[in-house]
Amino acid sequence: RFTISKDNAKNTLYLQMNNLKPEDTAVYYCNVQSWRDFWGQG
């Protein structure tokens, strides 16, 4: 149902979410792993 992809040139991550279900309801956070983990606000 979901597909993750990234554009390295833009340093942008995507999540295509299809056939969404009520149980998918949540705050979604982006995580970047480098020398440590970085998180977005959701």
Full PDB file with SEQRES, HELIX, SHEET, SSBOND, CRYST1, ORIGX, SCALE, CONECT and MASTER records, all heavy atoms in Angstrom:
SEQRES   1 A   42  ARG PHE THR ILE SER LYS ASP ASN ALA LYS ASN THR LEU          
SEQRES   2 A   42  TYR LEU GLN MET ASN ASN LEU LYS PRO GLU ASP THR ALA          
SEQRES   3 A   42  VAL TYR TYR CYS ASN VAL GLN SER TRP ARG ASP PHE TRP          
SEQRES   4 A   42  GLY GLN GLY                                                  
HELIX    1 AA1 PRO A   22  ASP A   24  5                                   3    
SHEET    1 AA1 2 PHE A   2  ASP A   7  0                                        
SHEET    2 AA1 2 THR A  12  MET A  17 -1                                        
SHEET    1 AA2 2 ASN A  31  GLN A  33  0                                        
SHEET    2 AA2 2 ASP A  37  TRP A  39 -1                                        
CRYST1    1.000    1.000    1.000  90.00  90.00  90.00 P 1           1          
ORIGX1      1.000000  0.000000  0.000000        0.00000                         
ORIGX2      0.000000  1.000000  0.000000        0.00000                         
ORIGX3      0.000000  0.000000  1.000000        0.00000                         
SCALE1      1.000000  0.000000  0.000000        0.00000                         
SCALE2      0.000000  1.000000  0.000000        0.00000                         
SCALE3      0.000000  0.000000  1.000000        0.00000                         
ATOM      1  N   ARG A   1       0.807  -1.216   0.000  1.00  0.00           N  
ATOM      2  CA  ARG A   1       0.000   0.000   0.000  1.00  0.00           C  
ATOM      3  C   ARG A   1       0.845   1.273   0.000  1.00  0.00           C  
ATOM      4  O   ARG A   1       0.459   2.263  -0.613  1.00  0.00           O  
ATOM      5  CB  ARG A   1      -0.939   0.024   1.209  1.00  0.00           C  
ATOM      6  CG  ARG A   1      -1.914  -1.142   1.252  1.00  0.00           C  
ATOM      7  CD  ARG A   1      -2.960  -0.957   2.347  1.00  0.00           C  
ATOM      8  NE  ARG A   1      -2.355  -0.922   3.682  1.00  0.00           N  
ATOM      9  CZ  ARG A   1      -2.449   0.105   4.521  1.00  0.00           C  
ATOM     10  NH1 ARG A   1      -3.128   1.194   4.165  1.00  0.00           N  
ATOM     11  NH2 ARG A   1      -1.882   0.050   5.717  1.00  0.00           N  
ATOM     12  N   PHE A   2       1.968   1.237   0.698  1.00  0.00           N  
ATOM     13  CA  PHE A   2       2.829   2.407   0.816  1.00  0.00           C  
ATOM     14  C   PHE A   2       4.102   2.193   0.010  1.00  0.00           C  
ATOM     15  O   PHE A   2       4.607   1.068  -0.097  1.00  0.00           O  
ATOM     16  CB  PHE A   2       3.227   2.660   2.272  1.00  0.00           C  
ATOM     17  CG  PHE A   2       2.105   3.092   3.180  1.00  0.00           C  
ATOM     18  CD1 PHE A   2       0.781   3.096   2.763  1.00  0.00           C  
ATOM     19  CD2 PHE A   2       2.402   3.496   4.473  1.00  0.00           C  
ATOM     20  CE1 PHE A   2      -0.240   3.495   3.615  1.00  0.00           C  
ATOM     21  CE2 PHE A   2       1.388   3.901   5.330  1.00  0.00           C  
ATOM     22  CZ  PHE A   2       0.071   3.900   4.908  1.00  0.00           C  
ATOM     23  N   THR A   3       4.629   3.270  -0.512  1.00  0.00           N  
ATOM     24  CA  THR A   3       5.887   3.229  -1.231  1.00  0.00           C  
ATOM     25  C   THR A   3       6.774   4.368  -0.763  1.00  0.00           C  
ATOM     26  O   THR A   3       6.365   5.529  -0.797  1.00  0.00           O  
ATOM     27  CB  THR A   3       5.678   3.343  -2.750  1.00  0.00           C  
ATOM     28  OG1 THR A   3       4.816   2.292  -3.200  1.00  0.00           O  
ATOM     29  CG2 THR A   3       7.014   3.232  -3.475  1.00  0.00           C  
ATOM     30  N   ILE A   4       7.973   4.036  -0.329  1.00  0.00           N  
ATOM     31  CA  ILE A   4       8.926   5.049   0.089  1.00  0.00           C  
ATOM     32  C   ILE A   4       9.894   5.322  -1.054  1.00  0.00           C  
ATOM     33  O   ILE A   4      10.294   4.409  -1.782  1.00  0.00           O  
ATOM     34  CB  ILE A   4       9.681   4.620   1.370  1.00  0.00           C  
ATOM     35  CG1 ILE A   4      10.489   5.787   1.944  1.00  0.00           C  
ATOM     36  CG2 ILE A   4      10.558   3.404   1.117  1.00  0.00           C  
ATOM     37  CD1 ILE A   4      11.058   5.509   3.334  1.00  0.00           C  
ATOM     38  N   SER A   5      10.243   6.563  -1.222  1.00  0.00           N  
ATOM     39  CA  SER A   5      11.193   6.943  -2.250  1.00  0.00           C  
ATOM     40  C   SER A   5      11.927   8.198  -1.804  1.00  0.00           C  
ATOM     41  O   SER A   5      11.524   8.863  -0.846  1.00  0.00           O  
ATOM     42  CB  SER A   5      10.496   7.177  -3.596  1.00  0.00           C  
ATOM     43  OG  SER A   5       9.561   8.236  -3.506  1.00  0.00           O  
ATOM     44  N   LYS A   6      12.991   8.506  -2.490  1.00  0.00           N  
ATOM     45  CA  LYS A   6      13.743   9.702  -2.154  1.00  0.00           C  
ATOM     46  C   LYS A   6      14.335  10.336  -3.387  1.00  0.00           C  
ATOM     47  O   LYS A   6      14.595   9.674  -4.397  1.00  0.00           O  
ATOM     48  CB  LYS A   6      14.849   9.393  -1.133  1.00  0.00           C  
ATOM     49  CG  LYS A   6      15.891   8.396  -1.614  1.00  0.00           C  
ATOM     50  CD  LYS A   6      16.950   8.155  -0.548  1.00  0.00           C  
ATOM     51  CE  LYS A   6      17.978   7.140  -1.023  1.00  0.00           C  
ATOM     52  NZ  LYS A   6      19.040   6.929  -0.014  1.00  0.00           N  
ATOM     53  N   ASP A   7      14.534  11.619  -3.294  1.00  0.00           N  
ATOM     54  CA  ASP A   7      15.209  12.391  -4.319  1.00  0.00           C  
ATOM     55  C   ASP A   7      16.503  12.882  -3.682  1.00  0.00           C  
ATOM     56  O   ASP A   7      16.494  13.829  -2.896  1.00  0.00           O  
ATOM     57  CB  ASP A   7      14.342  13.555  -4.778  1.00  0.00           C  
ATOM     58  CG  ASP A   7      14.945  14.327  -5.935  1.00  0.00           C  
ATOM     59  OD1 ASP A   7      16.180  14.352  -6.065  1.00  0.00           O  
ATOM     60  OD2 ASP A   7      14.172  14.920  -6.715  1.00  0.00           O  
ATOM     61  N   ASN A   8      17.591  12.228  -4.002  1.00  0.00           N  
ATOM     62  CA  ASN A   8      18.859  12.561  -3.372  1.00  0.00           C  
ATOM     63  C   ASN A   8      19.318  13.983  -3.693  1.00  0.00           C  
ATOM     64  O   ASN A   8      19.911  14.650  -2.847  1.00  0.00           O  
ATOM     65  CB  ASN A   8      19.935  11.563  -3.793  1.00  0.00           C  
ATOM     66  CG  ASN A   8      19.745  10.198  -3.177  1.00  0.00           C  
ATOM     67  OD1 ASN A   8      19.257  10.070  -2.061  1.00  0.00           O  
ATOM     68  ND2 ASN A   8      20.150   9.163  -3.897  1.00  0.00           N  
ATOM     69  N   ALA A   9      19.051  14.428  -4.903  1.00  0.00           N  
ATOM     70  CA  ALA A   9      19.461  15.768  -5.289  1.00  0.00           C  
ATOM     71  C   ALA A   9      18.769  16.833  -4.459  1.00  0.00           C  
ATOM     72  O   ALA A   9      19.334  17.897  -4.194  1.00  0.00           O  
ATOM     73  CB  ALA A   9      19.195  15.996  -6.774  1.00  0.00           C  
ATOM     74  N   LYS A  10      17.551  16.554  -4.058  1.00  0.00           N  
ATOM     75  CA  LYS A  10      16.780  17.512  -3.274  1.00  0.00           C  
ATOM     76  C   LYS A  10      16.777  17.210  -1.780  1.00  0.00           C  
ATOM     77  O   LYS A  10      16.184  17.961  -1.008  1.00  0.00           O  
ATOM     78  CB  LYS A  10      15.334  17.558  -3.780  1.00  0.00           C  
ATOM     79  CG  LYS A  10      15.183  18.038  -5.206  1.00  0.00           C  
ATOM     80  CD  LYS A  10      13.718  18.066  -5.617  1.00  0.00           C  
ATOM     81  CE  LYS A  10      13.552  18.575  -7.037  1.00  0.00           C  
ATOM     82  NZ  LYS A  10      12.121  18.599  -7.448  1.00  0.00           N  
ATOM     83  N   ASN A  11      17.425  16.117  -1.394  1.00  0.00           N  
ATOM     84  CA  ASN A  11      17.395  15.663  -0.005  1.00  0.00           C  
ATOM     85  C   ASN A  11      15.960  15.603   0.517  1.00  0.00           C  
ATOM     86  O   ASN A  11      15.653  16.083   1.609  1.00  0.00           O  
ATOM     87  CB  ASN A  11      18.252  16.553   0.895  1.00  0.00           C  
ATOM     88  CG  ASN A  11      19.741  16.305   0.732  1.00  0.00           C  
ATOM     89  OD1 ASN A  11      20.535  17.226   0.673  1.00  0.00           O  
ATOM     90  ND2 ASN A  11      20.127  15.036   0.660  1.00  0.00           N  
ATOM     91  N   THR A  12      15.121  15.013  -0.291  1.00  0.00           N  
ATOM     92  CA  THR A  12      13.714  14.933   0.039  1.00  0.00           C  
ATOM     93  C   THR A  12      13.258  13.481   0.028  1.00  0.00           C  
ATOM     94  O   THR A  12      13.570  12.730  -0.898  1.00  0.00           O  
ATOM     95  CB  THR A  12      12.872  15.759  -0.936  1.00  0.00           C  
ATOM     96  OG1 THR A  12      13.297  17.125  -0.887  1.00  0.00           O  
ATOM     97  CG2 THR A  12      11.398  15.692  -0.569  1.00  0.00           C  
ATOM     98  N   LEU A  13      12.532  13.119   1.040  1.00  0.00           N  
ATOM     99  CA  LEU A  13      11.982  11.786   1.198  1.00  0.00           C  
ATOM    100  C   LEU A  13      10.480  11.846   0.979  1.00  0.00           C  
ATOM    101  O   LEU A  13       9.825  12.809   1.385  1.00  0.00           O  
ATOM    102  CB  LEU A  13      12.290  11.261   2.600  1.00  0.00           C  
ATOM    103  CG  LEU A  13      11.850   9.841   2.946  1.00  0.00           C  
ATOM    104  CD1 LEU A  13      12.716   8.826   2.218  1.00  0.00           C  
ATOM    105  CD2 LEU A  13      11.919   9.630   4.452  1.00  0.00           C  
ATOM    106  N   TYR A  14       9.937  10.804   0.373  1.00  0.00           N  
ATOM    107  CA  TYR A  14       8.513  10.746   0.108  1.00  0.00           C  
ATOM    108  C   TYR A  14       7.922   9.447   0.633  1.00  0.00           C  
ATOM    109  O   TYR A  14       8.600   8.426   0.735  1.00  0.00           O  
ATOM    110  CB  TYR A  14       8.235  10.830  -1.397  1.00  0.00           C  
ATOM    111  CG  TYR A  14       8.799  12.054  -2.064  1.00  0.00           C  
ATOM    112  CD1 TYR A  14      10.027  12.012  -2.714  1.00  0.00           C  
ATOM    113  CD2 TYR A  14       8.106  13.257  -2.043  1.00  0.00           C  
ATOM    114  CE1 TYR A  14      10.552  13.131  -3.332  1.00  0.00           C  
ATOM    115  CE2 TYR A  14       8.619  14.382  -2.658  1.00  0.00           C  
ATOM    116  CZ  TYR A  14       9.840  14.317  -3.300  1.00  0.00           C  
ATOM    117  OH  TYR A  14      10.360  15.432  -3.908  1.00  0.00           O  
ATOM    118  N   LEU A  15       6.663   9.505   0.938  1.00  0.00           N  
ATOM    119  CA  LEU A  15       5.908   8.309   1.263  1.00  0.00           C  
ATOM    120  C   LEU A  15       4.574   8.397   0.546  1.00  0.00           C  
ATOM    121  O   LEU A  15       3.725   9.215   0.900  1.00  0.00           O  
ATOM    122  CB  LEU A  15       5.693   8.166   2.773  1.00  0.00           C  
ATOM    123  CG  LEU A  15       4.999   6.885   3.223  1.00  0.00           C  
ATOM    124  CD1 LEU A  15       5.899   5.670   2.956  1.00  0.00           C  
ATOM    125  CD2 LEU A  15       4.623   6.947   4.692  1.00  0.00           C  
ATOM    126  N   GLN A  16       4.423   7.574  -0.477  1.00  0.00           N  
ATOM    127  CA  GLN A  16       3.155   7.480  -1.175  1.00  0.00           C  
ATOM    128  C   GLN A  16       2.288   6.479  -0.435  1.00  0.00           C  
ATOM    129  O   GLN A  16       2.673   5.315  -0.284  1.00  0.00           O  
ATOM    130  CB  GLN A  16       3.369   7.038  -2.622  1.00  0.00           C  
ATOM    131  CG  GLN A  16       2.081   6.905  -3.429  1.00  0.00           C  
ATOM    132  CD  GLN A  16       1.380   8.222  -3.620  1.00  0.00           C  
ATOM    133  OE1 GLN A  16       2.004   9.219  -3.973  1.00  0.00           O  
ATOM    134  NE2 GLN A  16       0.076   8.249  -3.372  1.00  0.00           N  
ATOM    135  N   MET A  17       1.146   6.925   0.007  1.00  0.00           N  
ATOM    136  CA  MET A  17       0.263   6.124   0.830  1.00  0.00           C  
ATOM    137  C   MET A  17      -1.037   5.904   0.063  1.00  0.00           C  
ATOM    138  O   MET A  17      -1.795   6.841  -0.166  1.00  0.00           O  
ATOM    139  CB  MET A  17      -0.019   6.821   2.162  1.00  0.00           C  
ATOM    140  CG  MET A  17       1.247   7.273   2.884  1.00  0.00           C  
ATOM    141  SD  MET A  17       0.906   8.468   4.211  1.00  0.00           S  
ATOM    142  CE  MET A  17       0.031   7.423   5.374  1.00  0.00           C  
ATOM    143  N   ASN A  18      -1.270   4.671  -0.337  1.00  0.00           N  
ATOM    144  CA  ASN A  18      -2.469   4.314  -1.078  1.00  0.00           C  
ATOM    145  C   ASN A  18      -3.347   3.380  -0.262  1.00  0.00           C  
ATOM    146  O   ASN A  18      -2.878   2.714   0.658  1.00  0.00           O  
ATOM    147  CB  ASN A  18      -2.101   3.637  -2.402  1.00  0.00           C  
ATOM    148  CG  ASN A  18      -1.339   4.536  -3.336  1.00  0.00           C  
ATOM    149  OD1 ASN A  18      -1.552   5.750  -3.379  1.00  0.00           O  
ATOM    150  ND2 ASN A  18      -0.441   3.940  -4.121  1.00  0.00           N  
ATOM    151  N   ASN A  19      -4.607   3.330  -0.639  1.00  0.00           N  
ATOM    152  CA  ASN A  19      -5.571   2.474   0.041  1.00  0.00           C  
ATOM    153  C   ASN A  19      -5.495   2.651   1.553  1.00  0.00           C  
ATOM    154  O   ASN A  19      -5.380   1.686   2.312  1.00  0.00           O  
ATOM    155  CB  ASN A  19      -5.350   1.007  -0.340  1.00  0.00           C  
ATOM    156  CG  ASN A  19      -6.483   0.104   0.096  1.00  0.00           C  
ATOM    157  OD1 ASN A  19      -7.606   0.546   0.306  1.00  0.00           O  
ATOM    158  ND2 ASN A  19      -6.186  -1.185   0.253  1.00  0.00           N  
ATOM    159  N   LEU A  20      -5.564   3.879   1.970  1.00  0.00           N  
ATOM    160  CA  LEU A  20      -5.435   4.180   3.387  1.00  0.00           C  
ATOM    161  C   LEU A  20      -6.576   3.597   4.191  1.00  0.00           C  
ATOM    162  O   LEU A  20      -7.716   3.512   3.723  1.00  0.00           O  
ATOM    163  CB  LEU A  20      -5.361   5.691   3.592  1.00  0.00           C  
ATOM    164  CG  LEU A  20      -4.000   6.298   3.249  1.00  0.00           C  
ATOM    165  CD1 LEU A  20      -4.128   7.788   2.999  1.00  0.00           C  
ATOM    166  CD2 LEU A  20      -3.005   6.021   4.368  1.00  0.00           C  
ATOM    167  N   LYS A  21      -6.240   3.192   5.400  1.00  0.00           N  
ATOM    168  CA  LYS A  21      -7.185   2.594   6.320  1.00  0.00           C  
ATOM    169  C   LYS A  21      -7.261   3.427   7.590  1.00  0.00           C  
ATOM    170  O   LYS A  21      -6.307   4.133   7.924  1.00  0.00           O  
ATOM    171  CB  LYS A  21      -6.755   1.167   6.671  1.00  0.00           C  
ATOM    172  CG  LYS A  21      -6.600   0.243   5.475  1.00  0.00           C  
ATOM    173  CD  LYS A  21      -6.079  -1.121   5.898  1.00  0.00           C  
ATOM    174  CE  LYS A  21      -5.923  -2.044   4.706  1.00  0.00           C  
ATOM    175  NZ  LYS A  21      -5.413  -3.387   5.114  1.00  0.00           N  
ATOM    176  N   PRO A  22      -8.376   3.346   8.313  1.00  0.00           N  
ATOM    177  CA  PRO A  22      -8.468   4.106   9.562  1.00  0.00           C  
ATOM    178  C   PRO A  22      -7.315   3.821  10.528  1.00  0.00           C  
ATOM    179  O   PRO A  22      -6.889   4.729  11.250  1.00  0.00           O  
ATOM    180  CB  PRO A  22      -9.811   3.650  10.148  1.00  0.00           C  
ATOM    181  CG  PRO A  22     -10.631   3.325   8.944  1.00  0.00           C  
ATOM    182  CD  PRO A  22      -9.658   2.700   7.977  1.00  0.00           C  
ATOM    183  N   GLU A  23      -6.812   2.607  10.542  1.00  0.00           N  
ATOM    184  CA  GLU A  23      -5.710   2.278  11.426  1.00  0.00           C  
ATOM    185  C   GLU A  23      -4.393   2.933  11.028  1.00  0.00           C  
ATOM    186  O   GLU A  23      -3.410   2.855  11.772  1.00  0.00           O  
ATOM    187  CB  GLU A  23      -5.526   0.754  11.545  1.00  0.00           C  
ATOM    188  CG  GLU A  23      -5.443   0.041  10.209  1.00  0.00           C  
ATOM    189  CD  GLU A  23      -6.766  -0.565   9.790  1.00  0.00           C  
ATOM    190  OE1 GLU A  23      -7.809   0.104   9.923  1.00  0.00           O  
ATOM    191  OE2 GLU A  23      -6.766  -1.732   9.330  1.00  0.00           O  
ATOM    192  N   ASP A  24      -4.362   3.567   9.871  1.00  0.00           N  
ATOM    193  CA  ASP A  24      -3.191   4.338   9.474  1.00  0.00           C  
ATOM    194  C   ASP A  24      -3.168   5.717  10.113  1.00  0.00           C  
ATOM    195  O   ASP A  24      -2.173   6.442   9.984  1.00  0.00           O  
ATOM    196  CB  ASP A  24      -3.130   4.496   7.952  1.00  0.00           C  
ATOM    197  CG  ASP A  24      -2.944   3.178   7.233  1.00  0.00           C  
ATOM    198  OD1 ASP A  24      -2.137   2.343   7.692  1.00  0.00           O  
ATOM    199  OD2 ASP A  24      -3.602   2.979   6.183  1.00  0.00           O  
ATOM    200  N   THR A  25      -4.243   6.092  10.763  1.00  0.00           N  
ATOM    201  CA  THR A  25      -4.313   7.390  11.408  1.00  0.00           C  
ATOM    202  C   THR A  25      -3.222   7.517  12.465  1.00  0.00           C  
ATOM    203  O   THR A  25      -3.119   6.697  13.374  1.00  0.00           O  
ATOM    204  CB  THR A  25      -5.687   7.599  12.047  1.00  0.00           C  
ATOM    205  OG1 THR A  25      -6.681   7.640  11.030  1.00  0.00           O  
ATOM    206  CG2 THR A  25      -5.733   8.906  12.834  1.00  0.00           C  
ATOM    207  N   ALA A  26      -2.407   8.537  12.333  1.00  0.00           N  
ATOM    208  CA  ALA A  26      -1.283   8.742  13.239  1.00  0.00           C  
ATOM    209  C   ALA A  26      -0.571  10.021  12.848  1.00  0.00           C  
ATOM    210  O   ALA A  26      -0.844  10.612  11.801  1.00  0.00           O  
ATOM    211  CB  ALA A  26      -0.303   7.562  13.166  1.00  0.00           C  
ATOM    212  N   VAL A  27       0.346  10.428  13.697  1.00  0.00           N  
ATOM    213  CA  VAL A  27       1.298  11.457  13.323  1.00  0.00           C  
ATOM    214  C   VAL A  27       2.485  10.756  12.688  1.00  0.00           C  
ATOM    215  O   VAL A  27       3.053   9.824  13.267  1.00  0.00           O  
ATOM    216  CB  VAL A  27       1.754  12.297  14.526  1.00  0.00           C  
ATOM    217  CG1 VAL A  27       2.793  13.329  14.099  1.00  0.00           C  
ATOM    218  CG2 VAL A  27       0.558  12.995  15.164  1.00  0.00           C  
ATOM    219  N   TYR A  28       2.843  11.184  11.504  1.00  0.00           N  
ATOM    220  CA  TYR A  28       3.935  10.572  10.767  1.00  0.00           C  
ATOM    221  C   TYR A  28       5.177  11.441  10.882  1.00  0.00           C  
ATOM    222  O   TYR A  28       5.135  12.645  10.623  1.00  0.00           O  
ATOM    223  CB  TYR A  28       3.550  10.384   9.299  1.00  0.00           C  
ATOM    224  CG  TYR A  28       2.614   9.224   9.090  1.00  0.00           C  
ATOM    225  CD1 TYR A  28       1.300   9.285   9.536  1.00  0.00           C  
ATOM    226  CD2 TYR A  28       3.042   8.047   8.467  1.00  0.00           C  
ATOM    227  CE1 TYR A  28       0.439   8.213   9.375  1.00  0.00           C  
ATOM    228  CE2 TYR A  28       2.186   6.975   8.301  1.00  0.00           C  
ATOM    229  CZ  TYR A  28       0.891   7.061   8.754  1.00  0.00           C  
ATOM    230  OH  TYR A  28       0.040   5.994   8.589  1.00  0.00           O  
ATOM    231  N   TYR A  29       6.269  10.805  11.265  1.00  0.00           N  
ATOM    232  CA  TYR A  29       7.525  11.499  11.501  1.00  0.00           C  
ATOM    233  C   TYR A  29       8.587  11.036  10.515  1.00  0.00           C  
ATOM    234  O   TYR A  29       8.719   9.846  10.243  1.00  0.00           O  
ATOM    235  CB  TYR A  29       8.045  11.233  12.913  1.00  0.00           C  
ATOM    236  CG  TYR A  29       7.143  11.722  14.020  1.00  0.00           C  
ATOM    237  CD1 TYR A  29       6.165  10.898  14.559  1.00  0.00           C  
ATOM    238  CD2 TYR A  29       7.277  13.010  14.521  1.00  0.00           C  
ATOM    239  CE1 TYR A  29       5.340  11.340  15.573  1.00  0.00           C  
ATOM    240  CE2 TYR A  29       6.456  13.457  15.542  1.00  0.00           C  
ATOM    241  CZ  TYR A  29       5.494  12.620  16.064  1.00  0.00           C  
ATOM    242  OH  TYR A  29       4.674  13.065  17.075  1.00  0.00           O  
ATOM    243  N   CYS A  30       9.344  11.973  10.030  1.00  0.00           N  
ATOM    244  CA  CYS A  30      10.471  11.682   9.171  1.00  0.00           C  
ATOM    245  C   CYS A  30      11.724  11.510  10.021  1.00  0.00           C  
ATOM    246  O   CYS A  30      11.979  12.304  10.930  1.00  0.00           O  
ATOM    247  CB  CYS A  30      10.663  12.821   8.168  1.00  0.00           C  
ATOM    248  SG  CYS A  30      12.045  12.604   7.030  1.00  0.00           S  
ATOM    249  N   ASN A  31      12.485  10.491   9.726  1.00  0.00           N  
ATOM    250  CA  ASN A  31      13.722  10.196  10.434  1.00  0.00           C  
ATOM    251  C   ASN A  31      14.891  10.162   9.459  1.00  0.00           C  
ATOM    252  O   ASN A  31      14.802   9.534   8.411  1.00  0.00           O  
ATOM    253  CB  ASN A  31      13.596   8.854  11.160  1.00  0.00           C  
ATOM    254  CG  ASN A  31      14.920   8.342  11.702  1.00  0.00           C  
ATOM    255  OD1 ASN A  31      15.390   7.277  11.302  1.00  0.00           O  
ATOM    256  ND2 ASN A  31      15.510   9.093  12.617  1.00  0.00           N  
ATOM    257  N   VAL A  32      15.950  10.850   9.822  1.00  0.00           N  
ATOM    258  CA  VAL A  32      17.167  10.864   9.031  1.00  0.00           C  
ATOM    259  C   VAL A  32      18.298  10.336   9.891  1.00  0.00           C  
ATOM    260  O   VAL A  32      18.558  10.865  10.972  1.00  0.00           O  
ATOM    261  CB  VAL A  32      17.504  12.286   8.536  1.00  0.00           C  
ATOM    262  CG1 VAL A  32      18.784  12.267   7.713  1.00  0.00           C  
ATOM    263  CG2 VAL A  32      16.358  12.854   7.713  1.00  0.00           C  
ATOM    264  N   GLN A  33      18.942   9.290   9.420  1.00  0.00           N  
ATOM    265  CA  GLN A  33      20.045   8.680  10.158  1.00  0.00           C  
ATOM    266  C   GLN A  33      21.370   9.149   9.585  1.00  0.00           C  
ATOM    267  O   GLN A  33      21.673   8.905   8.416  1.00  0.00           O  
ATOM    268  CB  GLN A  33      19.962   7.159  10.109  1.00  0.00           C  
ATOM    269  CG  GLN A  33      18.742   6.585  10.804  1.00  0.00           C  
ATOM    270  CD  GLN A  33      18.745   5.068  10.808  1.00  0.00           C  
ATOM    271  OE1 GLN A  33      19.791   4.429  10.683  1.00  0.00           O  
ATOM    272  NE2 GLN A  33      17.565   4.489  10.956  1.00  0.00           N  
ATOM    273  N   SER A  34      22.139   9.798  10.405  1.00  0.00           N  
ATOM    274  CA  SER A  34      23.471  10.248  10.038  1.00  0.00           C  
ATOM    275  C   SER A  34      24.403   9.895  11.184  1.00  0.00           C  
ATOM    276  O   SER A  34      24.409   8.741  11.629  1.00  0.00           O  
ATOM    277  CB  SER A  34      23.449  11.751   9.737  1.00  0.00           C  
ATOM    278  OG  SER A  34      24.707  12.198   9.266  1.00  0.00           O  
ATOM    279  N   TRP A  35      25.168  10.856  11.681  1.00  0.00           N  
ATOM    280  CA  TRP A  35      25.981  10.591  12.858  1.00  0.00           C  
ATOM    281  C   TRP A  35      25.098  10.373  14.085  1.00  0.00           C  
ATOM    282  O   TRP A  35      25.526   9.774  15.067  1.00  0.00           O  
ATOM    283  CB  TRP A  35      26.993  11.708  13.093  1.00  0.00           C  
ATOM    284  CG  TRP A  35      26.392  13.056  13.385  1.00  0.00           C  
ATOM    285  CD1 TRP A  35      25.968  13.975  12.476  1.00  0.00           C  
ATOM    286  CD2 TRP A  35      26.170  13.629  14.682  1.00  0.00           C  
ATOM    287  NE1 TRP A  35      25.483  15.089  13.112  1.00  0.00           N  
ATOM    288  CE2 TRP A  35      25.605  14.902  14.474  1.00  0.00           C  
ATOM    289  CE3 TRP A  35      26.400  13.196  15.994  1.00  0.00           C  
ATOM    290  CZ2 TRP A  35      25.253  15.742  15.522  1.00  0.00           C  
ATOM    291  CZ3 TRP A  35      26.051  14.025  17.043  1.00  0.00           C  
ATOM    292  CH2 TRP A  35      25.489  15.282  16.806  1.00  0.00           C  
ATOM    293  N   ARG A  36      23.874  10.876  13.991  1.00  0.00           N  
ATOM    294  CA  ARG A  36      22.838  10.572  14.948  1.00  0.00           C  
ATOM    295  C   ARG A  36      21.502  10.662  14.223  1.00  0.00           C  
ATOM    296  O   ARG A  36      21.450  11.034  13.057  1.00  0.00           O  
ATOM    297  CB  ARG A  36      22.870  11.512  16.155  1.00  0.00           C  
ATOM    298  CG  ARG A  36      22.392  12.932  15.885  1.00  0.00           C  
ATOM    299  CD  ARG A  36      22.204  13.668  17.191  1.00  0.00           C  
ATOM    300  NE  ARG A  36      21.708  15.019  17.018  1.00  0.00           N  
ATOM    301  CZ  ARG A  36      20.422  15.355  16.964  1.00  0.00           C  
ATOM    302  NH1 ARG A  36      19.487  14.411  17.029  1.00  0.00           N  
ATOM    303  NH2 ARG A  36      20.063  16.618  16.829  1.00  0.00           N  
ATOM    304  N   ASP A  37      20.432  10.313  14.885  1.00  0.00           N  
ATOM    305  CA  ASP A  37      19.108  10.394  14.293  1.00  0.00           C  
ATOM    306  C   ASP A  37      18.549  11.803  14.410  1.00  0.00           C  
ATOM    307  O   ASP A  37      18.641  12.436  15.460  1.00  0.00           O  
ATOM    308  CB  ASP A  37      18.147   9.424  14.973  1.00  0.00           C  
ATOM    309  CG  ASP A  37      18.379   7.984  14.581  1.00  0.00           C  
ATOM    310  OD1 ASP A  37      19.192   7.737  13.672  1.00  0.00           O  
ATOM    311  OD2 ASP A  37      17.744   7.101  15.177  1.00  0.00           O  
ATOM    312  N   PHE A  38      17.958  12.265  13.328  1.00  0.00           N  
ATOM    313  CA  PHE A  38      17.266  13.535  13.309  1.00  0.00           C  
ATOM    314  C   PHE A  38      15.802  13.282  12.999  1.00  0.00           C  
ATOM    315  O   PHE A  38      15.466  12.433  12.175  1.00  0.00           O  
ATOM    316  CB  PHE A  38      17.873  14.484  12.262  1.00  0.00           C  
ATOM    317  CG  PHE A  38      19.302  14.843  12.524  1.00  0.00           C  
ATOM    318  CD1 PHE A  38      20.333  14.091  11.993  1.00  0.00           C  
ATOM    319  CD2 PHE A  38      19.622  15.938  13.305  1.00  0.00           C  
ATOM    320  CE1 PHE A  38      21.652  14.416  12.234  1.00  0.00           C  
ATOM    321  CE2 PHE A  38      20.944  16.281  13.557  1.00  0.00           C  
ATOM    322  CZ  PHE A  38      21.960  15.516  13.020  1.00  0.00           C  
ATOM    323  N   TRP A  39      14.946  14.036  13.652  1.00  0.00           N  
ATOM    324  CA  TRP A  39      13.507  13.847  13.523  1.00  0.00           C  
ATOM    325  C   TRP A  39      12.809  15.150  13.172  1.00  0.00           C  
ATOM    326  O   TRP A  39      13.192  16.226  13.638  1.00  0.00           O  
ATOM    327  CB  TRP A  39      12.914  13.327  14.830  1.00  0.00           C  
ATOM    328  CG  TRP A  39      13.384  11.958  15.209  1.00  0.00           C  
ATOM    329  CD1 TRP A  39      14.485  11.646  15.938  1.00  0.00           C  
ATOM    330  CD2 TRP A  39      12.755  10.723  14.873  1.00  0.00           C  
ATOM    331  NE1 TRP A  39      14.580  10.289  16.084  1.00  0.00           N  
ATOM    332  CE2 TRP A  39      13.540   9.698  15.446  1.00  0.00           C  
ATOM    333  CE3 TRP A  39      11.606  10.379  14.154  1.00  0.00           C  
ATOM    334  CZ2 TRP A  39      13.200   8.349  15.313  1.00  0.00           C  
ATOM    335  CZ3 TRP A  39      11.279   9.042  14.024  1.00  0.00           C  
ATOM    336  CH2 TRP A  39      12.069   8.046  14.602  1.00  0.00           C  
ATOM    337  N   GLY A  40      11.773  15.029  12.363  1.00  0.00           N  
ATOM    338  CA  GLY A  40      10.915  16.158  12.109  1.00  0.00           C  
ATOM    339  C   GLY A  40       9.854  16.284  13.187  1.00  0.00           C  
ATOM    340  O   GLY A  40       9.780  15.482  14.121  1.00  0.00           O  
ATOM    341  N   GLN A  41       9.028  17.293  13.058  1.00  0.00           N  
ATOM    342  CA  GLN A  41       7.982  17.547  14.032  1.00  0.00           C  
ATOM    343  C   GLN A  41       6.730  16.719  13.790  1.00  0.00           C  
ATOM    344  O   GLN A  41       5.865  16.631  14.653  1.00  0.00           O  
ATOM    345  CB  GLN A  41       7.619  19.032  14.045  1.00  0.00           C  
ATOM    346  CG  GLN A  41       8.704  19.931  14.608  1.00  0.00           C  
ATOM    347  CD  GLN A  41       9.025  19.611  16.050  1.00  0.00           C  
ATOM    348  OE1 GLN A  41      10.139  19.192  16.368  1.00  0.00           O  
ATOM    349  NE2 GLN A  41       8.061  19.787  16.939  1.00  0.00           N  
ATOM    350  N   GLY A  42       6.638  16.121  12.632  1.00  0.00           N  
ATOM    351  CA  GLY A  42       5.526  15.251  12.327  1.00  0.00           C  
ATOM    352  C   GLY A  42       4.436  15.930  11.531  1.00  0.00           C  
ATOM    353  O   GLY A  42       4.276  17.150  11.567  1.00  0.00           O  
TER     354      GLY A  42                                                      
MASTER        0    0    0    1    4    0    0    6  353    1    0    4          
END                                                                             
